[in-house]
C-alpha atoms as a PDB file:
ATOM      1  CA  UNK A   1     -10.384  52.281 -59.391  1.00  0.00           C
ATOM      2  CA  UNK A   2      -7.405  53.070 -61.038  1.00  0.00           C
ATOM      3  CA  UNK A   3      -7.334  54.713 -64.642  1.00  0.00           C
ATOM      4  CA  UNK A   4      -5.057  53.429 -67.740  1.00  0.00           C
ATOM      5  CA  UNK A   5      -2.218  56.008 -67.263  1.00  0.00           C
ATOM      6  CA  UNK A   6      -2.023  56.533 -63.420  1.00  0.00           C
ATOM      7  CA  UNK A   7       1.187  54.322 -63.187  1.00  0.00           C
ATOM      8  CA  UNK A   8       2.719  56.532 -65.979  1.00  0.00           C
ATOM      9  CA  UNK A   9       1.464  59.759 -64.393  1.00  0.00           C
ATOM     10  CA  UNK A  10       2.686  58.638 -60.877  1.00  0.00           C
ATOM     11  CA  UNK A  11       6.034  57.542 -62.435  1.00  0.00           C
ATOM     12  CA  UNK A  12       6.131  60.791 -64.353  1.00  0.00           C
ATOM     13  CA  UNK A  13       5.504  62.956 -61.400  1.00  0.00           C
ATOM     14  CA  UNK A  14       8.057  61.303 -59.211  1.00  0.00           C
ATOM     15  CA  UNK A  15      10.743  62.010 -61.587  1.00  0.00           C
ATOM     16  CA  UNK A  16       9.989  64.952 -62.045  1.00  0.00           C
ATOM     17  CA  UNK A  17      10.285  65.792 -58.378  1.00  0.00           C
ATOM     18  CA  UNK A  18      13.539  64.041 -57.790  1.00  0.00           C
ATOM     19  CA  UNK A  19      14.615  66.305 -60.731  1.00  0.00           C
ATOM     20  CA  UNK A  20      13.572  69.553 -59.769  1.00  0.00           C
ATOM     21  CA  UNK A  21      13.076  69.952 -56.007  1.00  0.00           C
ATOM     22  CA  UNK A  22      14.042  72.551 -54.217  1.00  0.00           C
ATOM     23  CA  UNK A  23      12.671  72.266 -50.936  1.00  0.00           C
ATOM     24  CA  UNK A  24      11.706  69.885 -48.605  1.00  0.00           C
ATOM     25  CA  UNK A  25       8.082  70.631 -46.337  1.00  0.00           C
ATOM     26  CA  UNK A  26       7.209  69.197 -43.400  1.00  0.00           C
ATOM     27  CA  UNK A  27       3.676  68.443 -42.912  1.00  0.00           C
ATOM     28  CA  UNK A  28       2.247  66.650 -39.900  1.00  0.00           C
ATOM     29  CA  UNK A  29       5.776  65.437 -38.936  1.00  0.00           C
ATOM     30  CA  UNK A  30       6.134  64.188 -42.405  1.00  0.00           C
ATOM     31  CA  UNK A  31       8.868  65.360 -44.838  1.00  0.00           C
ATOM     32  CA  UNK A  32       7.834  66.024 -48.569  1.00  0.00           C
ATOM     33  CA  UNK A  33      10.150  66.710 -51.203  1.00  0.00           C
ATOM     34  CA  UNK A  34       8.527  69.522 -53.515  1.00  0.00           C
ATOM     35  CA  UNK A  35       9.030  72.388 -55.576  1.00  0.00           C
ATOM     36  CA  UNK A  36       8.678  75.791 -53.803  1.00  0.00           C
ATOM     37  CA  UNK A  37       8.014  79.128 -55.688  1.00  0.00           C
ATOM     38  CA  UNK A  38       6.152  82.307 -55.126  1.00  0.00           C
ATOM     39  CA  UNK A  39       4.407  83.391 -58.021  1.00  0.00           C
ATOM     40  CA  UNK A  40       3.926  87.241 -58.777  1.00  0.00           C
ATOM     41  CA  UNK A  41       0.094  87.835 -58.564  1.00  0.00           C
ATOM     42  CA  UNK A  42      -1.515  91.504 -59.566  1.00  0.00           C
ATOM     43  CA  UNK A  43      -5.126  92.175 -58.672  1.00  0.00           C
ATOM     44  CA  UNK A  44      -7.136  95.472 -58.302  1.00  0.00           C
ATOM     45  CA  UNK A  45      -3.791  97.414 -58.764  1.00  0.00           C
ATOM     46  CA  UNK A  46      -2.478  95.531 -55.366  1.00  0.00           C
ATOM     47  CA  UNK A  47       0.779  93.272 -55.930  1.00  0.00           C
ATOM     48  CA  UNK A  48       2.324  90.430 -54.392  1.00  0.00           C
ATOM     49  CA  UNK A  49       3.703  86.989 -54.040  1.00  0.00           C
ATOM     50  CA  UNK A  50       1.533  83.936 -53.849  1.00  0.00           C
ATOM     51  CA  UNK A  51       3.762  80.767 -52.502  1.00  0.00           C
ATOM     52  CA  UNK A  52       2.738  77.535 -53.997  1.00  0.00           C
ATOM     53  CA  UNK A  53       4.361  73.814 -52.984  1.00  0.00           C
ATOM     54  CA  UNK A  54       3.926  71.517 -55.950  1.00  0.00           C
ATOM     55  CA  UNK A  55       4.733  67.883 -54.819  1.00  0.00           C
ATOM     56  CA  UNK A  56       3.891  64.171 -55.560  1.00  0.00           C
ATOM     57  CA  UNK A  57      -0.179  63.607 -55.091  1.00  0.00           C
ATOM     58  CA  UNK A  58       0.554  60.194 -53.509  1.00  0.00           C
ATOM     59  CA  UNK A  59       3.096  61.222 -50.754  1.00  0.00           C
ATOM     60  CA  UNK A  60       0.536  63.554 -49.567  1.00  0.00           C
ATOM     61  CA  UNK A  61      -2.112  60.717 -49.702  1.00  0.00           C
ATOM     62  CA  UNK A  62       0.102  58.671 -47.115  1.00  0.00           C
ATOM     63  CA  UNK A  63       0.437  61.546 -44.410  1.00  0.00           C
ATOM     64  CA  UNK A  64      -1.864  61.241 -41.222  1.00  0.00           C
ATOM     65  CA  UNK A  65      -4.083  62.786 -40.440  1.00  0.00           C
ATOM     66  CA  UNK A  66      -4.879  63.746 -43.979  1.00  0.00           C
ATOM     67  CA  UNK A  67      -3.338  66.941 -45.165  1.00  0.00           C
ATOM     68  CA  UNK A  68      -6.549  69.711 -45.630  1.00  0.00           C
ATOM     69  CA  UNK A  69      -7.153  73.469 -45.851  1.00  0.00           C
ATOM     70  CA  UNK A  70      -5.660  75.010 -42.788  1.00  0.00           C
ATOM     71  CA  UNK A  71      -2.929  72.335 -42.327  1.00  0.00           C
ATOM     72  CA  UNK A  72       0.489  73.858 -41.722  1.00  0.00           C
ATOM     73  CA  UNK A  73       3.192  73.262 -43.294  1.00  0.00           C
ATOM     74  CA  UNK A  74       6.674  74.298 -42.730  1.00  0.00           C
ATOM     75  CA  UNK A  75       9.355  75.100 -45.810  1.00  0.00           C
ATOM     76  CA  UNK A  76      12.739  76.247 -45.220  1.00  0.00           C
ATOM     77  CA  UNK A  77      12.107  77.304 -41.593  1.00  0.00           C
ATOM     78  CA  UNK A  78       9.272  79.351 -42.698  1.00  0.00           C
ATOM     79  CA  UNK A  79       5.608  78.481 -41.351  1.00  0.00           C
ATOM     80  CA  UNK A  80       2.855  78.679 -43.923  1.00  0.00           C
ATOM     81  CA  UNK A  81      -0.949  77.548 -43.832  1.00  0.00           C
ATOM     82  CA  UNK A  82      -2.452  75.409 -46.474  1.00  0.00           C
ATOM     83  CA  UNK A  83      -5.200  77.908 -48.352  1.00  0.00           C
ATOM     84  CA  UNK A  84      -6.144  75.574 -51.195  1.00  0.00           C
ATOM     85  CA  UNK A  85      -5.373  72.311 -52.796  1.00  0.00           C
ATOM     86  CA  UNK A  86      -5.181  71.653 -56.224  1.00  0.00           C
ATOM     87  CA  UNK A  87      -4.866  68.036 -57.431  1.00  0.00           C
ATOM     88  CA  UNK A  88      -3.962  68.367 -61.350  1.00  0.00           C
ATOM     89  CA  UNK A  89      -5.141  64.784 -62.031  1.00  0.00           C
ATOM     90  CA  UNK A  90      -1.400  64.281 -63.347  1.00  0.00           C
ATOM     91  CA  UNK A  91       0.324  62.703 -60.473  1.00  0.00           C
ATOM     92  CA  UNK A  92       1.071  66.258 -58.963  1.00  0.00           C
ATOM     93  CA  UNK A  93      -0.654  68.568 -56.347  1.00  0.00           C
ATOM     94  CA  UNK A  94      -0.003  72.098 -55.854  1.00  0.00           C
ATOM     95  CA  UNK A  95      -0.808  73.769 -52.657  1.00  0.00           C
ATOM     96  CA  UNK A  96      -1.735  77.318 -52.252  1.00  0.00           C
ATOM     97  CA  UNK A  97      -0.018  78.671 -49.248  1.00  0.00           C
ATOM     98  CA  UNK A  98      -0.107  81.929 -47.062  1.00  0.00           C
ATOM     99  CA  UNK A  99       2.797  82.968 -44.461  1.00  0.00           C
ATOM    100  CA  UNK A 100       1.705  82.911 -41.022  1.00  0.00           C
END
């Protein structure tokens, strides 16, 4: 059952992606606009970059087969695999990626 504020969260997420998107991902032949970033991480004296793709949750829910861990994703001609899906509960989802 939709919660109070879900429609507002969806509208806010769509507007944010419309204004801030810098990439279009191809997931299971569907195009999804979003924000592609590579966050710097450091653990146990090892540094690297963690690729992330942030998009509108409802767009992911429309893709069939369902988006899940291990799903392939193409962004800017680079191939990635989804390692984790973080639904923020605010209409936005962050896909944690790994380069193939």
